[in-house]
Amino acid sequence: MKIKVTVISNREHNVKTTNRNMEKMYDLQLLMAQADDIQDKEPIEIIKMQRDLLHDSIDFLTTVLELNNQEQNKLDEMDFKQTVEAVNYTFERMMGMSDEDIDLANKKEQAADKSNKD
């Protein structure tokens, strides 16, 4: 499938949903879920988890999108929020969502967030 992650480049990346790529995706999703569950964790353990999350996110995008050197440099200079957004977008596309599906889901989420604040 063709995935264009505009925060990294304007190039369309040919991403294959091979078992290897899907396993990388699920491993990173698991790490993200574990990083959210920090209630009973020590500060050093939390920092290590966050560092691992950063490294694994960069590795995931580099590998799955087959980034060239210029794109890898751009990824290295991005802030973490942009990196997580790029990862989540790539996850959604790999799980079969179209750009239109993603836009619609984001609009619904924003509307729900707005109504919860009111």
C-alpha atoms as a PDB file:
ATOM      1  CA  MET A   1       0.000   0.000   0.000  1.00  0.00           C
ATOM      2  CA  LYS A   2       1.099   3.569  -0.588  1.00  0.00           C
ATOM      3  CA  ILE A   3       1.547   5.692   2.543  1.00  0.00           C
ATOM      4  CA  LYS A   4       2.541   9.353   2.468  1.00  0.00           C
ATOM      5  CA  VAL A   5       3.676  10.671   5.850  1.00  0.00           C
ATOM      6  CA  THR A   6       3.895  14.377   5.045  1.00  0.00           C
ATOM      7  CA  VAL A   7       5.713  15.377   8.246  1.00  0.00           C
ATOM      8  CA  ILE A   8       8.628  13.242   7.047  1.00  0.00           C
ATOM      9  CA  SER A   9       8.523  13.752   3.271  1.00  0.00           C
ATOM     10  CA  ASN A  10       6.264  14.180   0.257  1.00  0.00           C
ATOM     11  CA  ARG A  11       7.289  10.777  -1.074  1.00  0.00           C
ATOM     12  CA  GLU A  12       4.801   7.938  -1.141  1.00  0.00           C
ATOM     13  CA  HIS A  13       6.218   4.931   0.662  1.00  0.00           C
ATOM     14  CA  ASN A  14       5.344   1.444  -0.500  1.00  0.00           C
ATOM     15  CA  VAL A  15       4.519  -0.305   2.779  1.00  0.00           C
ATOM     16  CA  LYS A  16       3.948  -4.018   2.764  1.00  0.00           C
ATOM     17  CA  THR A  17       1.833  -5.611   5.465  1.00  0.00           C
ATOM     18  CA  THR A  18       4.216  -8.531   5.772  1.00  0.00           C
ATOM     19  CA  ASN A  19       4.234 -10.573   8.945  1.00  0.00           C
ATOM     20  CA  ARG A  20       7.522  -8.876   9.891  1.00  0.00           C
ATOM     21  CA  ASN A  21       6.086  -5.366   9.502  1.00  0.00           C
ATOM     22  CA  MET A  22       2.855  -6.269  11.274  1.00  0.00           C
ATOM     23  CA  GLU A  23       4.827  -7.788  14.143  1.00  0.00           C
ATOM     24  CA  LYS A  24       6.841  -4.556  14.436  1.00  0.00           C
ATOM     25  CA  MET A  25       3.568  -2.629  14.535  1.00  0.00           C
ATOM     26  CA  TYR A  26       2.050  -4.817  17.258  1.00  0.00           C
ATOM     27  CA  ASP A  27       5.274  -4.803  19.298  1.00  0.00           C
ATOM     28  CA  LEU A  28       5.304  -1.003  19.238  1.00  0.00           C
ATOM     29  CA  GLN A  29       1.600  -0.813  20.114  1.00  0.00           C
ATOM     30  CA  LEU A  30       2.258  -3.086  23.088  1.00  0.00           C
ATOM     31  CA  LEU A  31       5.150  -0.894  24.213  1.00  0.00           C
ATOM     32  CA  MET A  32       2.940   2.205  23.895  1.00  0.00           C
ATOM     33  CA  ALA A  33       0.252   0.601  26.031  1.00  0.00           C
ATOM     34  CA  GLN A  34       2.814  -0.403  28.653  1.00  0.00           C
ATOM     35  CA  ALA A  35       4.253   3.129  28.676  1.00  0.00           C
ATOM     36  CA  ASP A  36       0.774   4.484  29.462  1.00  0.00           C
ATOM     37  CA  ASP A  37       0.481   2.212  32.511  1.00  0.00           C
ATOM     38  CA  ILE A  38       2.945   3.884  34.891  1.00  0.00           C
ATOM     39  CA  GLN A  39       1.031   3.833  38.173  1.00  0.00           C
ATOM     40  CA  ASP A  40       3.229   1.369  40.047  1.00  0.00           C
ATOM     41  CA  LYS A  41       6.494   2.118  38.276  1.00  0.00           C
ATOM     42  CA  GLU A  42       9.604   3.808  39.610  1.00  0.00           C
ATOM     43  CA  PRO A  43      10.818   7.027  37.915  1.00  0.00           C
ATOM     44  CA  ILE A  44      13.891   5.331  36.426  1.00  0.00           C
ATOM     45  CA  GLU A  45      11.735   2.567  34.956  1.00  0.00           C
ATOM     46  CA  ILE A  46       9.350   5.153  33.469  1.00  0.00           C
ATOM     47  CA  ILE A  47      12.222   7.046  31.833  1.00  0.00           C
ATOM     48  CA  LYS A  48      13.654   3.818  30.386  1.00  0.00           C
ATOM     49  CA  MET A  49      10.251   2.896  28.960  1.00  0.00           C
ATOM     50  CA  GLN A  50       9.863   6.337  27.393  1.00  0.00           C
ATOM     51  CA  ARG A  51      13.376   6.134  25.911  1.00  0.00           C
ATOM     52  CA  ASP A  52      12.628   2.686  24.494  1.00  0.00           C
ATOM     53  CA  LEU A  53       9.374   4.014  23.063  1.00  0.00           C
ATOM     54  CA  LEU A  54      11.242   6.808  21.295  1.00  0.00           C
ATOM     55  CA  HIS A  55      13.909   4.466  19.898  1.00  0.00           C
ATOM     56  CA  ASP A  56      11.375   1.854  18.799  1.00  0.00           C
ATOM     57  CA  SER A  57       9.145   4.497  17.177  1.00  0.00           C
ATOM     58  CA  ILE A  58      12.060   5.818  15.125  1.00  0.00           C
ATOM     59  CA  ASP A  59      13.120   2.272  14.218  1.00  0.00           C
ATOM     60  CA  PHE A  60       9.555   1.350  13.232  1.00  0.00           C
ATOM     61  CA  LEU A  61       9.141   4.324  10.900  1.00  0.00           C
ATOM     62  CA  THR A  62      12.639   3.932   9.444  1.00  0.00           C
ATOM     63  CA  THR A  63      12.132   0.238   8.723  1.00  0.00           C
ATOM     64  CA  VAL A  64       8.497   0.081   7.647  1.00  0.00           C
ATOM     65  CA  LEU A  65       8.626   3.219   5.491  1.00  0.00           C
ATOM     66  CA  GLU A  66      12.118   2.353   4.233  1.00  0.00           C
ATOM     67  CA  LEU A  67      13.304   5.902   4.893  1.00  0.00           C
ATOM     68  CA  ASN A  68      16.293   7.248   3.005  1.00  0.00           C
ATOM     69  CA  ASN A  69      19.054   9.245   4.744  1.00  0.00           C
ATOM     70  CA  GLN A  70      17.383  12.607   4.192  1.00  0.00           C
ATOM     71  CA  GLU A  71      14.080  11.325   5.598  1.00  0.00           C
ATOM     72  CA  GLN A  72      15.868   9.734   8.568  1.00  0.00           C
ATOM     73  CA  ASN A  73      17.521  13.080   9.317  1.00  0.00           C
ATOM     74  CA  LYS A  74      14.142  14.808   9.139  1.00  0.00           C
ATOM     75  CA  LEU A  75      12.710  12.202  11.529  1.00  0.00           C
ATOM     76  CA  ASP A  76      15.610  12.748  13.935  1.00  0.00           C
ATOM     77  CA  GLU A  77      14.824  16.480  14.014  1.00  0.00           C
ATOM     78  CA  MET A  78      11.071  16.085  14.597  1.00  0.00           C
ATOM     79  CA  ASP A  79       9.582  16.540  18.036  1.00  0.00           C
ATOM     80  CA  PHE A  80       8.200  13.504  19.831  1.00  0.00           C
ATOM     81  CA  LYS A  81       4.559  14.525  19.360  1.00  0.00           C
ATOM     82  CA  GLN A  82       5.025  14.606  15.577  1.00  0.00           C
ATOM     83  CA  THR A  83       6.779  11.243  15.721  1.00  0.00           C
ATOM     84  CA  VAL A  84       3.897   9.640  17.621  1.00  0.00           C
ATOM     85  CA  GLU A  85       1.399  11.156  15.170  1.00  0.00           C
ATOM     86  CA  ALA A  86       3.407   9.713  12.244  1.00  0.00           C
ATOM     87  CA  VAL A  87       3.508   6.307  13.961  1.00  0.00           C
ATOM     88  CA  ASN A  88      -0.235   6.333  14.680  1.00  0.00           C
ATOM     89  CA  TYR A  89      -1.027   7.396  11.110  1.00  0.00           C
ATOM     90  CA  THR A  90       1.152   4.560   9.781  1.00  0.00           C
ATOM     91  CA  PHE A  91      -0.585   2.101  12.150  1.00  0.00           C
ATOM     92  CA  GLU A  92      -4.014   3.187  10.913  1.00  0.00           C
ATOM     93  CA  ARG A  93      -3.036   2.868   7.258  1.00  0.00           C
ATOM     94  CA  MET A  94      -1.443  -0.561   7.849  1.00  0.00           C
ATOM     95  CA  MET A  95      -4.676  -1.716   9.496  1.00  0.00           C
ATOM     96  CA  GLY A  96      -6.594  -0.848   6.339  1.00  0.00           C
ATOM     97  CA  MET A  97      -7.949   2.601   7.062  1.00  0.00           C
ATOM     98  CA  SER A  98      -8.014   5.073   4.184  1.00  0.00           C
ATOM     99  CA  ASP A  99      -7.053   8.724   4.582  1.00  0.00           C
ATOM    100  CA  GLU A 100     -10.779   9.561   4.457  1.00  0.00           C
ATOM    101  CA  ASP A 101     -11.507   7.062   7.255  1.00  0.00           C
ATOM    102  CA  ILE A 102      -8.723   8.592   9.361  1.00  0.00           C
ATOM    103  CA  ASP A 103      -9.961  12.149   8.767  1.00  0.00           C
ATOM    104  CA  LEU A 104     -13.510  11.157   9.716  1.00  0.00           C
ATOM    105  CA  ALA A 105     -12.329   9.383  12.890  1.00  0.00           C
ATOM    106  CA  ASN A 106     -10.239  12.427  13.870  1.00  0.00           C
ATOM    107  CA  LYS A 107     -13.199  14.779  13.341  1.00  0.00           C
ATOM    108  CA  LYS A 108     -15.425  12.549  15.471  1.00  0.00           C
ATOM    109  CA  GLU A 109     -12.787  12.448  18.206  1.00  0.00           C
ATOM    110  CA  GLN A 110     -12.384  16.236  18.140  1.00  0.00           C
ATOM    111  CA  ALA A 111     -16.167  16.708  18.331  1.00  0.00           C
ATOM    112  CA  ALA A 112     -16.373  14.306  21.292  1.00  0.00           C
ATOM    113  CA  ASP A 113     -13.513  16.126  23.040  1.00  0.00           C
ATOM    114  CA  LYS A 114     -15.229  19.475  22.473  1.00  0.00           C
ATOM    115  CA  SER A 115     -18.563  18.233  23.840  1.00  0.00           C
ATOM    116  CA  ASN A 116     -16.822  16.799  26.924  1.00  0.00           C
ATOM    117  CA  LYS A 117     -15.281  20.208  27.639  1.00  0.00           C
ATOM    118  CA  ASP A 118     -18.639  22.005  27.428  1.00  0.00           C
END
